[in-house]
Amino acid sequence: MKLGQQDDKQLTQYLNKLLDEMPLHEPSPLLTDRIMQSLQDAAVSKPGVNTPRSTSRPWMNGAIAIAATVLLIQSGMINKILHIASGISELTDYIQNLSQYH
């Protein structure tokens, strides 16, 4: 096994271990009530009328995406993820080459 493949395997195992050890948080007891109230409010509101909440949501999603990207870059994880992707591509090419011989 190549050194890069060992690193990829270890990284994958490490990430899986982190995911397995992540604590699961219980949702708020009022979560169901809030969701149902939101659905009822949305059904009652007129279509085509933007509420302040719905106009700020795309901006908030963009801000979260930018923060996550910066965090991945600063932690160096983005390079490791890209390295895994290139390793998968190399493995795919290798398997295709092997299948041509059979």
C-alpha atoms as a PDB file:
ATOM      1  CA  MET A   1       0.000   0.000   0.000  1.00  0.00           C
ATOM      2  CA  LYS A   2       1.377   3.433  -0.919  1.00  0.00           C
ATOM      3  CA  LEU A   3       2.167   6.007   1.745  1.00  0.00           C
ATOM      4  CA  GLY A   4      -0.558   8.373   0.474  1.00  0.00           C
ATOM      5  CA  GLN A   5      -3.112   5.583   0.566  1.00  0.00           C
ATOM      6  CA  GLN A   6      -2.148   4.792   4.170  1.00  0.00           C
ATOM      7  CA  ASP A   7      -2.589   8.473   5.073  1.00  0.00           C
ATOM      8  CA  ASP A   8      -5.995   8.501   3.375  1.00  0.00           C
ATOM      9  CA  LYS A   9      -7.057   5.361   5.203  1.00  0.00           C
ATOM     10  CA  GLN A  10      -5.894   6.746   8.542  1.00  0.00           C
ATOM     11  CA  LEU A  11      -7.658  10.055   7.888  1.00  0.00           C
ATOM     12  CA  THR A  12     -10.863   8.253   6.988  1.00  0.00           C
ATOM     13  CA  GLN A  13     -10.653   6.134  10.127  1.00  0.00           C
ATOM     14  CA  TYR A  14      -9.937   9.228  12.217  1.00  0.00           C
ATOM     15  CA  LEU A  15     -12.902  11.139  10.760  1.00  0.00           C
ATOM     16  CA  ASN A  16     -15.206   8.148  11.280  1.00  0.00           C
ATOM     17  CA  LYS A  17     -14.027   7.884  14.893  1.00  0.00           C
ATOM     18  CA  LEU A  18     -14.719  11.588  15.467  1.00  0.00           C
ATOM     19  CA  LEU A  19     -18.205  11.218  14.014  1.00  0.00           C
ATOM     20  CA  ASP A  20     -18.894   8.177  16.181  1.00  0.00           C
ATOM     21  CA  GLU A  21     -17.756  10.032  19.317  1.00  0.00           C
ATOM     22  CA  MET A  22     -19.769  13.184  18.608  1.00  0.00           C
ATOM     23  CA  PRO A  23     -22.334  13.806  21.305  1.00  0.00           C
ATOM     24  CA  LEU A  24     -25.963  13.679  20.260  1.00  0.00           C
ATOM     25  CA  HIS A  25     -27.954  16.563  21.656  1.00  0.00           C
ATOM     26  CA  GLU A  26     -31.599  16.224  22.511  1.00  0.00           C
ATOM     27  CA  PRO A  27     -33.884  18.646  20.683  1.00  0.00           C
ATOM     28  CA  SER A  28     -35.730  21.305  22.595  1.00  0.00           C
ATOM     29  CA  PRO A  29     -39.022  20.043  24.050  1.00  0.00           C
ATOM     30  CA  LEU A  30     -40.755  22.901  22.226  1.00  0.00           C
ATOM     31  CA  LEU A  31     -39.292  22.002  18.823  1.00  0.00           C
ATOM     32  CA  THR A  32     -42.409  20.226  17.547  1.00  0.00           C
ATOM     33  CA  ASP A  33     -44.662  23.074  18.672  1.00  0.00           C
ATOM     34  CA  ARG A  34     -42.442  25.681  16.986  1.00  0.00           C
ATOM     35  CA  ILE A  35     -42.346  23.718  13.717  1.00  0.00           C
ATOM     36  CA  MET A  36     -46.090  23.232  13.681  1.00  0.00           C
ATOM     37  CA  GLN A  37     -46.636  26.928  14.446  1.00  0.00           C
ATOM     38  CA  SER A  38     -44.295  27.887  11.583  1.00  0.00           C
ATOM     39  CA  LEU A  39     -46.209  25.653   9.196  1.00  0.00           C
ATOM     40  CA  GLN A  40     -49.522  27.110  10.284  1.00  0.00           C
ATOM     41  CA  ASP A  41     -48.181  30.665   9.953  1.00  0.00           C
ATOM     42  CA  ALA A  42     -46.846  29.898   6.470  1.00  0.00           C
ATOM     43  CA  ALA A  43     -50.196  28.464   5.400  1.00  0.00           C
ATOM     44  CA  VAL A  44     -52.028  31.557   6.659  1.00  0.00           C
ATOM     45  CA  SER A  45     -49.636  34.146   5.160  1.00  0.00           C
ATOM     46  CA  LYS A  46     -50.248  35.388   1.637  1.00  0.00           C
ATOM     47  CA  PRO A  47     -48.142  33.838  -1.120  1.00  0.00           C
ATOM     48  CA  GLY A  48     -45.579  36.193  -2.619  1.00  0.00           C
ATOM     49  CA  VAL A  49     -45.261  38.377   0.481  1.00  0.00           C
ATOM     50  CA  ASN A  50     -41.766  38.180   1.950  1.00  0.00           C
ATOM     51  CA  THR A  51     -41.468  38.254   5.678  1.00  0.00           C
ATOM     52  CA  PRO A  52     -38.275  39.687   7.221  1.00  0.00           C
ATOM     53  CA  ARG A  53     -37.320  36.167   8.262  1.00  0.00           C
ATOM     54  CA  SER A  54     -37.502  34.726   4.757  1.00  0.00           C
ATOM     55  CA  THR A  55     -35.446  37.547   3.195  1.00  0.00           C
ATOM     56  CA  SER A  56     -32.577  37.210   5.679  1.00  0.00           C
ATOM     57  CA  ARG A  57     -32.351  33.421   5.408  1.00  0.00           C
ATOM     58  CA  PRO A  58     -30.254  33.246   2.177  1.00  0.00           C
ATOM     59  CA  TRP A  59     -27.819  35.767   3.657  1.00  0.00           C
ATOM     60  CA  MET A  60     -27.538  33.716   6.844  1.00  0.00           C
ATOM     61  CA  ASN A  61     -26.991  30.487   4.897  1.00  0.00           C
ATOM     62  CA  GLY A  62     -24.246  32.176   2.880  1.00  0.00           C
ATOM     63  CA  ALA A  63     -22.558  33.447   6.028  1.00  0.00           C
ATOM     64  CA  ILE A  64     -22.608  29.965   7.547  1.00  0.00           C
ATOM     65  CA  ALA A  65     -21.166  28.458   4.353  1.00  0.00           C
ATOM     66  CA  ILE A  66     -18.351  31.032   4.318  1.00  0.00           C
ATOM     67  CA  ALA A  67     -17.570  30.416   8.002  1.00  0.00           C
ATOM     68  CA  ALA A  68     -17.462  26.644   7.437  1.00  0.00           C
ATOM     69  CA  THR A  69     -15.154  27.055   4.442  1.00  0.00           C
ATOM     70  CA  VAL A  70     -12.777  29.323   6.373  1.00  0.00           C
ATOM     71  CA  LEU A  71     -12.757  26.856   9.255  1.00  0.00           C
ATOM     72  CA  LEU A  72     -11.928  23.952   6.928  1.00  0.00           C
ATOM     73  CA  ILE A  73      -9.145  25.925   5.249  1.00  0.00           C
ATOM     74  CA  GLN A  74      -7.620  27.061   8.554  1.00  0.00           C
ATOM     75  CA  SER A  75      -7.707  23.580  10.017  1.00  0.00           C
ATOM     76  CA  GLY A  76      -6.068  22.114   6.922  1.00  0.00           C
ATOM     77  CA  MET A  77      -8.907  19.649   6.487  1.00  0.00           C
ATOM     78  CA  ILE A  78      -9.806  20.941   3.023  1.00  0.00           C
ATOM     79  CA  ASN A  79      -6.414  19.790   1.675  1.00  0.00           C
ATOM     80  CA  LYS A  80      -6.897  16.374   3.233  1.00  0.00           C
ATOM     81  CA  ILE A  81     -10.395  16.096   1.789  1.00  0.00           C
ATOM     82  CA  LEU A  82      -9.116  17.082  -1.658  1.00  0.00           C
ATOM     83  CA  HIS A  83      -6.302  14.569  -1.269  1.00  0.00           C
ATOM     84  CA  ILE A  84      -8.839  11.837  -0.498  1.00  0.00           C
ATOM     85  CA  ALA A  85     -10.787  12.809  -3.619  1.00  0.00           C
ATOM     86  CA  SER A  86      -7.661  12.540  -5.770  1.00  0.00           C
ATOM     87  CA  GLY A  87      -6.863   9.179  -4.152  1.00  0.00           C
ATOM     88  CA  ILE A  88     -10.319   7.910  -5.060  1.00  0.00           C
ATOM     89  CA  SER A  89      -9.776   9.086  -8.627  1.00  0.00           C
ATOM     90  CA  GLU A  90      -6.446   7.252  -8.781  1.00  0.00           C
ATOM     91  CA  LEU A  91      -8.064   4.116  -7.388  1.00  0.00           C
ATOM     92  CA  THR A  92     -10.812   4.331 -10.007  1.00  0.00           C
ATOM     93  CA  ASP A  93      -8.223   4.629 -12.780  1.00  0.00           C
ATOM     94  CA  TYR A  94      -6.317   1.661 -11.344  1.00  0.00           C
ATOM     95  CA  ILE A  95      -9.451  -0.491 -11.245  1.00  0.00           C
ATOM     96  CA  GLN A  96     -10.296   0.484 -14.824  1.00  0.00           C
ATOM     97  CA  ASN A  97      -6.807  -0.495 -15.946  1.00  0.00           C
ATOM     98  CA  LEU A  98      -7.100  -3.848 -14.150  1.00  0.00           C
ATOM     99  CA  SER A  99     -10.480  -4.543 -15.716  1.00  0.00           C
ATOM    100  CA  GLN A 100      -9.010  -4.079 -19.190  1.00  0.00           C
ATOM    101  CA  TYR A 101      -6.657  -7.036 -18.641  1.00  0.00           C
ATOM    102  CA  HIS A 102      -9.492  -9.481 -17.878  1.00  0.00           C
END
